[in-house]
């Protein structure tokens, strides 16, 4: 019997402008999980993913955070206001 553990993180942070208009996109995803395996059979396991998106342009801001664990969404929140850029 053995246990497999994984952690994956990825992020995209872009800023671009056309004339005076500035657009920013920040998207981050963090995932982790484990599974217990014996004779090619998965006996137990857990997985969790958190994704955060922030989009800012001259018209405003949109942010969304989603957290899923073991195949179910635990949190899904969005807002027309964004946290400060120091949190990214």
Foldseek 3Di string as FASTA:
>chain_A
DDKDKDKDKDKDWDWDDDVPKIKIKIKIKIKIKMFDDDPNDTDDMKMKMKMKIWIQIPVFIKIWIWIDMPHGTPDIDMDRHDDDPVVD
